[in-house]
Structures are given as C-alpha cells and as structure tokens.
C-alpha cells in the first residue's frame, strides 16, 4: 500500500489483545487509511530514482453527503543495475560472472475504500515482479526470465457504530 494513503498506524501490544480477539498472539498492527475530509480532489505524484527508477500515483478523494471514497493507483518500474559482477560465477559458461540487464523491479498497486454511513468496503490489489540475477535455487545465472512474481488481492467489508459516548463496536467480514 502506498504510504500516502495511510492516516495513522495503531499498535496494540500484548499476548492476545482483548480488542482484536484470541488470534492476536504477540499484538496487532492496525493500519488506518485516509478518509476524504472536505471537497473532492485528485492528487498526482511522481518520483524518479537511481537505475532509471520511476514511480507514479493518482488518487481521487470523493465526498458527497454521507458517501465518501478514496480511489488510488500506483506504478513503479526500475531497470536495476545494468552490469552486476558475481565472482562465484566467473567462468566463460556464465558470462564471466557478469549479469547483464537482469536486476529489474516493478509493481502495480490499486486501492479503494468506500464509506456510507456506518459501512465501509476496502479493496487492495498488489502485484510485484523482481528479476533475480543470481541464479538462486538452481535457476540459470543471468537469465532475465528468472523472477519472483507476487500478486495479492484483499477485500474487507465492515460495519461500525458508536455505543455510548466512548465505546465503539466494530465488526468486519
């Protein structure tokens, strides 16, 4: 998740937090995402980094009465180092230990959160591909097709309401 979408982070320490149930063995980290506060807006940001790295994000914030939403998408691409030298592969069969153009990295993130009255629905999609130049775990050294690809999709729906002046009941599906 893009850090610009996080409002704050709560840490509940302790063995088995009573707030989050018996599945919390060592504690709970609760990431609270942003909510629109005011007029609808669009945010655009971008960065550049070493090794031709570039990152971009577009976020839309919408608020109409009791309906509000955050919609965001992020992209990142980096070519990585063009030439990496690994002395343990220094032989003619393995390009004399040089890995050429095989250190790239890229990811795509999409996030949305919609609130209406006491209901909230959040969705997160994340996909990352990292090219591995070293030929780890029996893969071929200096092969740009050797990569680690990870894709995650999450959907959370919840209902919360105030009960009394200081108690809040939250239930998630």
N, C-alpha and C. Protein backbone atom coordinates (compact mmCIF):
# COMPACT_ATOMS: atom_id res chain seq x y z
N UNK A 1 0.84 -1.17 0.00
CA UNK A 1 0.00 0.00 0.00
C UNK A 1 0.89 1.24 0.00
N UNK A 2 0.50 2.23 -0.75
CA UNK A 2 1.24 3.48 -0.83
C UNK A 2 1.15 4.21 0.51
N UNK A 3 2.27 4.69 1.03
CA UNK A 3 2.29 5.35 2.33
C UNK A 3 1.49 6.65 2.36
N UNK A 4 1.27 7.28 1.21
CA UNK A 4 0.47 8.50 1.17
C UNK A 4 -1.00 8.23 1.47
N UNK A 5 -1.43 6.98 1.46
CA UNK A 5 -2.83 6.64 1.74
C UNK A 5 -3.08 6.32 3.21
N UNK A 6 -2.03 6.31 4.02
CA UNK A 6 -2.16 5.95 5.44
C UNK A 6 -2.36 7.20 6.28
N UNK A 7 -3.40 7.19 7.11
CA UNK A 7 -3.65 8.30 8.04
C UNK A 7 -2.82 8.12 9.31
N UNK A 8 -2.92 6.96 9.93
CA UNK A 8 -2.08 6.65 11.09
C UNK A 8 -2.04 5.14 11.30
N UNK A 9 -1.13 4.71 12.18
CA UNK A 9 -0.93 3.29 12.47
C UNK A 9 -1.07 3.09 13.97
N UNK A 10 -1.90 2.12 14.35
CA UNK A 10 -2.09 1.78 15.76
C UNK A 10 -1.36 0.48 16.06
N UNK A 11 -0.68 0.42 17.20
CA UNK A 11 -0.01 -0.80 17.65
C UNK A 11 -0.62 -1.18 18.99
N UNK A 12 -1.21 -2.37 19.06
CA UNK A 12 -1.78 -2.89 20.30
C UNK A 12 -0.88 -4.02 20.75
N UNK A 13 -0.14 -3.79 21.82
CA UNK A 13 0.83 -4.78 22.30
C UNK A 13 0.17 -5.76 23.26
N UNK A 14 0.79 -6.90 23.40
CA UNK A 14 0.34 -7.84 24.40
C UNK A 14 -0.08 -9.17 23.80
N UNK A 15 -0.05 -10.17 24.65
CA UNK A 15 -0.42 -11.52 24.22
C UNK A 15 -1.94 -11.65 24.21
N UNK A 16 -2.50 -11.78 23.03
CA UNK A 16 -3.95 -11.97 22.91
C UNK A 16 -4.72 -10.72 23.27
N UNK A 17 -4.70 -9.74 22.43
CA UNK A 17 -5.41 -8.50 22.69
C UNK A 17 -6.91 -8.75 22.80
N UNK A 18 -7.52 -8.23 23.85
CA UNK A 18 -8.97 -8.41 24.02
C UNK A 18 -9.75 -7.60 23.00
N UNK A 19 -9.12 -6.59 22.44
CA UNK A 19 -9.80 -5.75 21.44
C UNK A 19 -9.95 -6.47 20.11
N UNK A 20 -8.96 -7.30 19.72
CA UNK A 20 -8.97 -7.94 18.41
C UNK A 20 -9.15 -9.45 18.47
N UNK A 21 -9.36 -10.02 19.64
CA UNK A 21 -9.66 -11.44 19.73
C UNK A 21 -8.45 -12.29 20.06
N UNK A 22 -8.69 -13.58 20.15
CA UNK A 22 -7.66 -14.51 20.60
C UNK A 22 -6.64 -14.85 19.53
N UNK A 23 -6.84 -14.42 18.28
CA UNK A 23 -5.86 -14.69 17.23
C UNK A 23 -4.65 -13.77 17.33
N UNK A 24 -4.69 -12.75 18.16
CA UNK A 24 -3.58 -11.80 18.31
C UNK A 24 -2.61 -12.34 19.35
N UNK A 25 -1.60 -13.10 18.91
CA UNK A 25 -0.68 -13.73 19.86
C UNK A 25 0.31 -12.71 20.41
N UNK A 26 1.03 -12.00 19.55
CA UNK A 26 2.04 -11.07 20.00
C UNK A 26 1.58 -9.62 19.98
N UNK A 27 0.49 -9.34 19.34
CA UNK A 27 -0.01 -7.98 19.24
C UNK A 27 -0.65 -7.76 17.88
N UNK A 28 -1.15 -6.57 17.67
CA UNK A 28 -1.86 -6.22 16.45
C UNK A 28 -1.34 -4.90 15.92
N UNK A 29 -1.10 -4.82 14.62
CA UNK A 29 -0.77 -3.56 13.96
C UNK A 29 -1.96 -3.22 13.08
N UNK A 30 -2.61 -2.11 13.35
CA UNK A 30 -3.80 -1.69 12.64
C UNK A 30 -3.46 -0.47 11.79
N UNK A 31 -3.55 -0.60 10.48
CA UNK A 31 -3.24 0.49 9.56
C UNK A 31 -4.55 1.19 9.22
N UNK A 32 -4.66 2.46 9.58
CA UNK A 32 -5.86 3.26 9.33
C UNK A 32 -5.61 4.10 8.09
N UNK A 33 -6.45 3.89 7.06
CA UNK A 33 -6.28 4.63 5.80
C UNK A 33 -7.00 5.97 5.86
N UNK A 34 -6.65 6.83 4.94
CA UNK A 34 -7.21 8.17 4.88
C UNK A 34 -8.69 8.14 4.51
N UNK A 35 -9.41 9.14 4.98
CA UNK A 35 -10.78 9.40 4.57
C UNK A 35 -10.83 10.80 3.99
N UNK A 36 -11.68 11.03 3.00
CA UNK A 36 -11.81 12.39 2.47
C UNK A 36 -12.35 13.33 3.55
N UNK A 37 -11.75 14.49 3.66
CA UNK A 37 -12.19 15.48 4.63
C UNK A 37 -12.42 16.80 3.91
N UNK A 38 -13.58 16.96 3.34
CA UNK A 38 -13.87 18.21 2.63
C UNK A 38 -14.24 17.96 1.19
N UNK A 39 -13.80 18.86 0.34
CA UNK A 39 -14.14 18.82 -1.08
C UNK A 39 -13.49 17.61 -1.77
N UNK A 40 -14.09 17.21 -2.87
CA UNK A 40 -13.49 16.16 -3.70
C UNK A 40 -12.20 16.69 -4.32
N UNK A 41 -11.24 15.81 -4.50
CA UNK A 41 -9.94 16.24 -5.02
C UNK A 41 -9.26 15.10 -5.76
N UNK A 42 -8.30 15.46 -6.59
CA UNK A 42 -7.44 14.50 -7.26
C UNK A 42 -5.99 14.86 -6.93
N UNK A 43 -5.23 13.85 -6.50
CA UNK A 43 -3.81 14.03 -6.21
C UNK A 43 -2.99 13.26 -7.22
N UNK A 44 -1.92 13.86 -7.68
CA UNK A 44 -0.99 13.20 -8.61
C UNK A 44 0.41 13.40 -8.05
N UNK A 45 1.18 12.32 -7.99
CA UNK A 45 2.57 12.45 -7.53
C UNK A 45 3.45 11.53 -8.36
N UNK A 46 4.72 11.86 -8.42
CA UNK A 46 5.68 11.06 -9.15
C UNK A 46 7.07 11.26 -8.60
N UNK A 47 7.90 10.25 -8.76
CA UNK A 47 9.29 10.28 -8.28
C UNK A 47 10.18 9.63 -9.33
N UNK A 48 11.44 9.99 -9.28
CA UNK A 48 12.46 9.28 -10.04
C UNK A 48 13.51 8.79 -9.07
N UNK A 49 14.22 7.75 -9.46
CA UNK A 49 15.23 7.16 -8.59
C UNK A 49 16.41 6.71 -9.44
N UNK A 50 17.42 6.19 -8.77
CA UNK A 50 18.58 5.68 -9.49
C UNK A 50 18.19 4.46 -10.32
N UNK A 51 19.04 4.10 -11.26
CA UNK A 51 18.85 2.96 -12.16
C UNK A 51 17.56 3.08 -12.97
N UNK A 52 17.24 4.27 -13.41
CA UNK A 52 16.06 4.57 -14.24
C UNK A 52 14.75 4.23 -13.53
N UNK A 53 14.73 4.32 -12.22
CA UNK A 53 13.52 4.05 -11.45
C UNK A 53 12.55 5.21 -11.55
N UNK A 54 11.28 4.88 -11.72
CA UNK A 54 10.24 5.91 -11.76
C UNK A 54 8.99 5.36 -11.09
N UNK A 55 8.29 6.27 -10.40
CA UNK A 55 7.13 5.91 -9.59
C UNK A 55 6.06 6.95 -9.82
N UNK A 56 4.80 6.54 -9.93
CA UNK A 56 3.71 7.48 -10.10
C UNK A 56 2.48 7.02 -9.35
N UNK A 57 1.70 8.00 -8.88
CA UNK A 57 0.47 7.69 -8.14
C UNK A 57 -0.60 8.69 -8.51
N UNK A 58 -1.83 8.21 -8.68
CA UNK A 58 -3.01 9.06 -8.89
C UNK A 58 -4.03 8.63 -7.85
N UNK A 59 -4.54 9.61 -7.09
CA UNK A 59 -5.52 9.34 -6.04
C UNK A 59 -6.71 10.27 -6.20
N UNK A 60 -7.90 9.72 -6.13
CA UNK A 60 -9.12 10.52 -6.15
C UNK A 60 -9.83 10.43 -4.82
N UNK A 61 -10.21 11.58 -4.27
CA UNK A 61 -10.93 11.65 -3.00
C UNK A 61 -12.31 12.23 -3.28
N UNK A 62 -13.37 11.52 -2.88
CA UNK A 62 -14.73 11.93 -3.18
C UNK A 62 -15.53 11.98 -1.89
N UNK A 63 -16.31 13.05 -1.71
CA UNK A 63 -17.20 13.15 -0.55
C UNK A 63 -18.48 13.81 -0.98
N UNK A 64 -19.60 13.08 -0.85
CA UNK A 64 -20.94 13.58 -1.19
C UNK A 64 -21.88 13.18 -0.06
N UNK A 65 -22.19 14.07 0.81
CA UNK A 65 -23.07 13.76 1.94
C UNK A 65 -22.42 12.72 2.84
N UNK A 66 -23.13 11.61 3.05
CA UNK A 66 -22.60 10.54 3.90
C UNK A 66 -21.78 9.51 3.12
N UNK A 67 -21.69 9.67 1.82
CA UNK A 67 -20.91 8.77 0.98
C UNK A 67 -19.53 9.39 0.74
N UNK A 68 -18.49 8.61 0.99
CA UNK A 68 -17.13 9.10 0.73
C UNK A 68 -16.30 7.94 0.20
N UNK A 69 -15.26 8.27 -0.53
CA UNK A 69 -14.42 7.24 -1.09
C UNK A 69 -13.03 7.73 -1.42
N UNK A 70 -12.10 6.79 -1.39
CA UNK A 70 -10.72 7.03 -1.79
C UNK A 70 -10.39 5.98 -2.84
N UNK A 71 -9.87 6.42 -3.98
CA UNK A 71 -9.50 5.53 -5.08
C UNK A 71 -8.09 5.90 -5.50
N UNK A 72 -7.19 4.92 -5.54
CA UNK A 72 -5.80 5.23 -5.82
C UNK A 72 -5.14 4.12 -6.63
N UNK A 73 -4.21 4.52 -7.48
CA UNK A 73 -3.40 3.58 -8.24
C UNK A 73 -1.96 4.03 -8.29
N UNK A 74 -1.02 3.10 -8.16
CA UNK A 74 0.41 3.40 -8.16
C UNK A 74 1.14 2.46 -9.10
N UNK A 75 2.18 2.98 -9.74
CA UNK A 75 3.05 2.19 -10.62
C UNK A 75 4.50 2.47 -10.26
N UNK A 76 5.35 1.46 -10.38
CA UNK A 76 6.79 1.63 -10.17
C UNK A 76 7.53 0.73 -11.15
N UNK A 77 8.58 1.26 -11.73
CA UNK A 77 9.44 0.46 -12.62
C UNK A 77 10.89 0.91 -12.42
N UNK A 78 11.78 -0.07 -12.41
CA UNK A 78 13.21 0.22 -12.31
C UNK A 78 13.95 -0.82 -13.13
N UNK A 79 14.91 -0.35 -13.93
CA UNK A 79 15.72 -1.28 -14.73
C UNK A 79 16.75 -2.00 -13.88
N UNK A 80 17.09 -1.45 -12.72
CA UNK A 80 18.12 -2.05 -11.88
C UNK A 80 19.50 -1.77 -12.45
N UNK A 81 20.50 -2.34 -11.84
CA UNK A 81 21.87 -2.17 -12.33
C UNK A 81 22.03 -2.88 -13.66
N UNK A 82 22.72 -2.24 -14.59
CA UNK A 82 22.92 -2.84 -15.91
C UNK A 82 23.91 -3.98 -15.88
N UNK A 83 24.99 -3.84 -15.10
CA UNK A 83 26.02 -4.89 -15.01
C UNK A 83 26.29 -5.18 -13.54
N UNK A 84 26.08 -6.43 -13.15
CA UNK A 84 26.42 -6.88 -11.81
C UNK A 84 27.47 -7.98 -11.94
N UNK A 85 28.48 -7.94 -11.06
CA UNK A 85 29.53 -8.94 -11.09
C UNK A 85 29.42 -9.83 -9.87
N UNK A 86 29.42 -11.15 -10.11
CA UNK A 86 29.40 -12.15 -9.05
C UNK A 86 30.61 -13.05 -9.24
N UNK A 87 31.65 -12.91 -8.38
CA UNK A 87 32.89 -13.67 -8.58
C UNK A 87 32.69 -15.19 -8.54
N UNK A 88 31.69 -15.69 -7.82
CA UNK A 88 31.47 -17.14 -7.77
C UNK A 88 30.99 -17.71 -9.10
N UNK A 89 30.56 -16.86 -10.03
CA UNK A 89 30.12 -17.30 -11.36
C UNK A 89 31.13 -16.90 -12.44
N UNK A 90 32.36 -16.57 -12.07
CA UNK A 90 33.36 -16.08 -13.02
C UNK A 90 33.93 -17.22 -13.86
N UNK A 91 33.17 -17.62 -14.87
CA UNK A 91 33.64 -18.62 -15.83
C UNK A 91 33.02 -18.28 -17.19
N UNK A 92 33.62 -18.74 -18.28
CA UNK A 92 33.09 -18.41 -19.60
C UNK A 92 31.65 -18.89 -19.83
N UNK A 93 31.23 -20.02 -19.19
CA UNK A 93 29.87 -20.51 -19.39
C UNK A 93 28.82 -19.58 -18.79
N UNK A 94 29.20 -18.77 -17.81
CA UNK A 94 28.25 -17.88 -17.13
C UNK A 94 28.62 -16.42 -17.35
N UNK A 95 29.02 -16.07 -18.57
CA UNK A 95 29.30 -14.68 -18.93
C UNK A 95 30.37 -14.06 -18.05
N UNK A 96 31.33 -14.87 -17.61
CA UNK A 96 32.46 -14.44 -16.77
C UNK A 96 32.01 -13.77 -15.48
N UNK A 97 30.84 -14.16 -14.97
CA UNK A 97 30.36 -13.64 -13.69
C UNK A 97 29.54 -12.37 -13.78
N UNK A 98 29.30 -11.89 -15.00
CA UNK A 98 28.52 -10.65 -15.15
C UNK A 98 27.06 -10.97 -15.47
N UNK A 99 26.16 -10.35 -14.73
CA UNK A 99 24.72 -10.44 -15.02
C UNK A 99 24.34 -9.13 -15.70
N UNK A 100 23.86 -9.20 -16.93
CA UNK A 100 23.54 -8.01 -17.71
C UNK A 100 22.02 -7.83 -17.82
N UNK A 101 21.55 -6.64 -17.47
CA UNK A 101 20.14 -6.27 -17.61
C UNK A 101 19.20 -7.28 -16.97
N UNK A 102 19.54 -7.76 -15.80
CA UNK A 102 18.69 -8.76 -15.15
C UNK A 102 18.49 -8.45 -13.67
N UNK A 103 18.25 -7.16 -13.36
CA UNK A 103 18.05 -6.74 -11.97
C UNK A 103 16.83 -5.83 -11.85
N UNK A 104 15.88 -5.95 -12.76
CA UNK A 104 14.72 -5.04 -12.77
C UNK A 104 13.73 -5.33 -11.67
N UNK A 105 12.87 -4.35 -11.43
CA UNK A 105 11.84 -4.44 -10.39
C UNK A 105 10.65 -3.61 -10.84
N UNK A 106 9.43 -4.11 -10.60
CA UNK A 106 8.25 -3.33 -10.94
C UNK A 106 7.08 -3.75 -10.07
N UNK A 107 6.17 -2.79 -9.79
CA UNK A 107 4.96 -3.14 -9.07
C UNK A 107 3.80 -2.27 -9.52
N UNK A 108 2.60 -2.78 -9.27
CA UNK A 108 1.35 -2.07 -9.53
C UNK A 108 0.49 -2.24 -8.28
N UNK A 109 -0.06 -1.12 -7.77
CA UNK A 109 -0.96 -1.17 -6.62
C UNK A 109 -2.25 -0.44 -6.97
N UNK A 110 -3.37 -0.97 -6.54
CA UNK A 110 -4.66 -0.29 -6.67
C UNK A 110 -5.37 -0.42 -5.33
N UNK A 111 -5.95 0.68 -4.86
CA UNK A 111 -6.63 0.69 -3.56
C UNK A 111 -7.91 1.49 -3.68
N UNK A 112 -8.96 1.00 -3.03
CA UNK A 112 -10.21 1.77 -2.95
C UNK A 112 -10.85 1.52 -1.59
N UNK A 113 -11.48 2.56 -1.07
CA UNK A 113 -12.22 2.47 0.19
C UNK A 113 -13.48 3.32 0.02
N UNK A 114 -14.63 2.72 0.29
CA UNK A 114 -15.90 3.42 0.17
C UNK A 114 -16.61 3.34 1.51
N UNK A 115 -17.03 4.50 2.01
CA UNK A 115 -17.76 4.60 3.27
C UNK A 115 -19.15 5.16 3.00
N UNK A 116 -20.16 4.51 3.60
CA UNK A 116 -21.52 5.04 3.56
C UNK A 116 -22.14 4.79 4.92
N UNK A 117 -22.46 5.86 5.61
CA UNK A 117 -22.97 5.80 6.98
C UNK A 117 -22.00 5.00 7.84
N UNK A 118 -22.45 3.86 8.36
CA UNK A 118 -21.60 3.05 9.23
C UNK A 118 -20.91 1.89 8.51
N UNK A 119 -21.07 1.80 7.20
CA UNK A 119 -20.49 0.70 6.43
C UNK A 119 -19.22 1.16 5.73
N UNK A 120 -18.27 0.23 5.60
CA UNK A 120 -17.01 0.51 4.90
C UNK A 120 -16.60 -0.72 4.10
N UNK A 121 -16.22 -0.51 2.85
CA UNK A 121 -15.70 -1.57 1.99
C UNK A 121 -14.33 -1.12 1.47
N UNK A 122 -13.33 -1.95 1.65
CA UNK A 122 -11.98 -1.66 1.17
C UNK A 122 -11.52 -2.78 0.25
N UNK A 123 -10.80 -2.41 -0.80
CA UNK A 123 -10.21 -3.40 -1.70
C UNK A 123 -8.78 -2.98 -2.00
N UNK A 124 -7.89 -3.96 -2.06
CA UNK A 124 -6.48 -3.71 -2.35
C UNK A 124 -6.01 -4.76 -3.33
N UNK A 125 -5.33 -4.32 -4.38
CA UNK A 125 -4.70 -5.21 -5.35
C UNK A 125 -3.24 -4.81 -5.42
N UNK A 126 -2.35 -5.78 -5.37
CA UNK A 126 -0.92 -5.51 -5.42
C UNK A 126 -0.25 -6.59 -6.25
N UNK A 127 0.61 -6.19 -7.17
CA UNK A 127 1.35 -7.13 -7.99
C UNK A 127 2.79 -6.62 -8.12
N UNK A 128 3.76 -7.51 -7.86
CA UNK A 128 5.17 -7.13 -7.93
C UNK A 128 5.95 -8.21 -8.66
N UNK A 129 6.92 -7.78 -9.49
CA UNK A 129 7.82 -8.70 -10.15
C UNK A 129 9.25 -8.20 -9.99
N UNK A 130 10.10 -9.03 -9.46
CA UNK A 130 11.51 -8.71 -9.26
C UNK A 130 12.34 -9.72 -10.03
N UNK A 131 13.17 -9.24 -10.97
CA UNK A 131 14.07 -10.11 -11.73
C UNK A 131 15.26 -10.45 -10.84
N UNK A 132 15.61 -11.73 -10.77
CA UNK A 132 16.68 -12.19 -9.88
C UNK A 132 17.90 -12.55 -10.72
N UNK A 133 19.00 -11.80 -10.61
CA UNK A 133 20.15 -12.02 -11.48
C UNK A 133 21.07 -13.16 -11.05
N UNK A 134 20.97 -13.65 -9.82
CA UNK A 134 21.99 -14.55 -9.28
C UNK A 134 21.82 -16.02 -9.64
N UNK A 135 20.71 -16.43 -10.19
CA UNK A 135 20.51 -17.85 -10.48
C UNK A 135 20.31 -18.66 -9.22
N UNK A 136 19.58 -18.11 -8.27
CA UNK A 136 19.38 -18.79 -6.99
C UNK A 136 18.49 -20.03 -7.15
N UNK A 137 18.69 -21.00 -6.27
CA UNK A 137 17.90 -22.23 -6.19
C UNK A 137 17.86 -22.99 -7.51
N UNK A 138 18.99 -23.11 -8.17
CA UNK A 138 19.11 -23.91 -9.36
C UNK A 138 18.65 -23.25 -10.65
N UNK A 139 18.25 -21.98 -10.60
CA UNK A 139 17.86 -21.27 -11.82
C UNK A 139 19.10 -20.89 -12.60
N UNK A 140 18.94 -20.54 -13.86
CA UNK A 140 20.07 -20.16 -14.70
C UNK A 140 20.58 -18.77 -14.32
N UNK A 141 21.90 -18.65 -14.22
CA UNK A 141 22.52 -17.37 -13.93
C UNK A 141 22.36 -16.44 -15.12
N UNK A 142 22.09 -15.16 -14.86
CA UNK A 142 21.99 -14.11 -15.88
C UNK A 142 20.83 -14.35 -16.84
N UNK A 143 19.78 -14.98 -16.39
CA UNK A 143 18.59 -15.20 -17.22
C UNK A 143 17.51 -14.21 -16.80
N UNK A 144 17.17 -13.23 -17.66
CA UNK A 144 16.16 -12.23 -17.27
C UNK A 144 14.77 -12.81 -17.07
N UNK A 145 14.55 -14.05 -17.46
CA UNK A 145 13.24 -14.68 -17.24
C UNK A 145 13.10 -15.23 -15.82
N UNK A 146 14.21 -15.28 -15.05
CA UNK A 146 14.15 -15.75 -13.67
C UNK A 146 13.67 -14.60 -12.80
N UNK A 147 12.48 -14.74 -12.26
CA UNK A 147 11.92 -13.64 -11.47
C UNK A 147 11.06 -14.18 -10.35
N UNK A 148 10.78 -13.30 -9.43
CA UNK A 148 9.87 -13.58 -8.32
C UNK A 148 8.64 -12.71 -8.53
N UNK A 149 7.49 -13.32 -8.76
CA UNK A 149 6.25 -12.58 -9.02
C UNK A 149 5.27 -12.87 -7.89
N UNK A 150 4.69 -11.81 -7.34
CA UNK A 150 3.75 -11.91 -6.24
C UNK A 150 2.53 -11.07 -6.54
N UNK A 151 1.34 -11.64 -6.36
CA UNK A 151 0.10 -10.89 -6.54
C UNK A 151 -0.79 -11.14 -5.33
N UNK A 152 -1.36 -10.05 -4.80
CA UNK A 152 -2.22 -10.13 -3.63
C UNK A 152 -3.49 -9.33 -3.88
N UNK A 153 -4.63 -9.89 -3.50
CA UNK A 153 -5.90 -9.20 -3.58
C UNK A 153 -6.60 -9.34 -2.23
N UNK A 154 -7.10 -8.23 -1.70
CA UNK A 154 -7.78 -8.23 -0.41
C UNK A 154 -9.07 -7.46 -0.51
N UNK A 155 -10.14 -7.98 0.09
CA UNK A 155 -11.42 -7.29 0.17
C UNK A 155 -11.90 -7.35 1.60
N UNK A 156 -12.22 -6.20 2.18
CA UNK A 156 -12.67 -6.11 3.56
C UNK A 156 -13.96 -5.31 3.59
N UNK A 157 -14.96 -5.84 4.26
CA UNK A 157 -16.22 -5.12 4.47
C UNK A 157 -16.47 -5.06 5.96
N UNK A 158 -16.94 -3.93 6.43
CA UNK A 158 -17.15 -3.80 7.87
C UNK A 158 -18.27 -2.85 8.21
N UNK A 159 -18.71 -2.94 9.46
CA UNK A 159 -19.75 -2.09 10.00
C UNK A 159 -19.29 -1.61 11.36
N UNK A 160 -19.44 -0.34 11.65
CA UNK A 160 -19.05 0.18 12.96
C UNK A 160 -20.09 1.20 13.40
N UNK A 161 -20.28 1.28 14.71
CA UNK A 161 -21.21 2.27 15.24
C UNK A 161 -20.78 2.66 16.64
N UNK A 162 -21.20 3.83 17.05
CA UNK A 162 -20.92 4.30 18.41
C UNK A 162 -21.94 3.70 19.36
N UNK A 163 -21.48 3.26 20.49
CA UNK A 163 -22.38 2.75 21.52
C UNK A 163 -22.03 3.45 22.81
N UNK A 164 -22.81 4.41 23.17
CA UNK A 164 -22.50 5.24 24.32
C UNK A 164 -21.52 6.32 23.91
N UNK A 165 -21.12 7.15 24.84
CA UNK A 165 -20.26 8.28 24.49
C UNK A 165 -18.84 7.90 24.12
N UNK A 166 -18.30 6.76 24.60
CA UNK A 166 -16.89 6.48 24.33
C UNK A 166 -16.63 5.06 23.83
N UNK A 167 -17.64 4.25 23.60
CA UNK A 167 -17.41 2.88 23.15
C UNK A 167 -17.75 2.76 21.68
N UNK A 168 -16.94 2.04 20.97
CA UNK A 168 -17.15 1.82 19.55
C UNK A 168 -17.13 0.33 19.26
N UNK A 169 -18.13 -0.14 18.55
CA UNK A 169 -18.23 -1.55 18.19
C UNK A 169 -17.89 -1.67 16.71
N UNK A 170 -16.96 -2.55 16.40
CA UNK A 170 -16.55 -2.75 15.02
C UNK A 170 -16.72 -4.23 14.69
N UNK A 171 -17.29 -4.51 13.55
CA UNK A 171 -17.35 -5.88 13.08
C UNK A 171 -16.96 -5.90 11.62
N UNK A 172 -16.09 -6.83 11.25
CA UNK A 172 -15.60 -6.94 9.88
C UNK A 172 -15.99 -8.30 9.31
N UNK A 173 -16.13 -8.31 7.99
CA UNK A 173 -16.48 -9.54 7.29
C UNK A 173 -15.25 -9.97 6.49
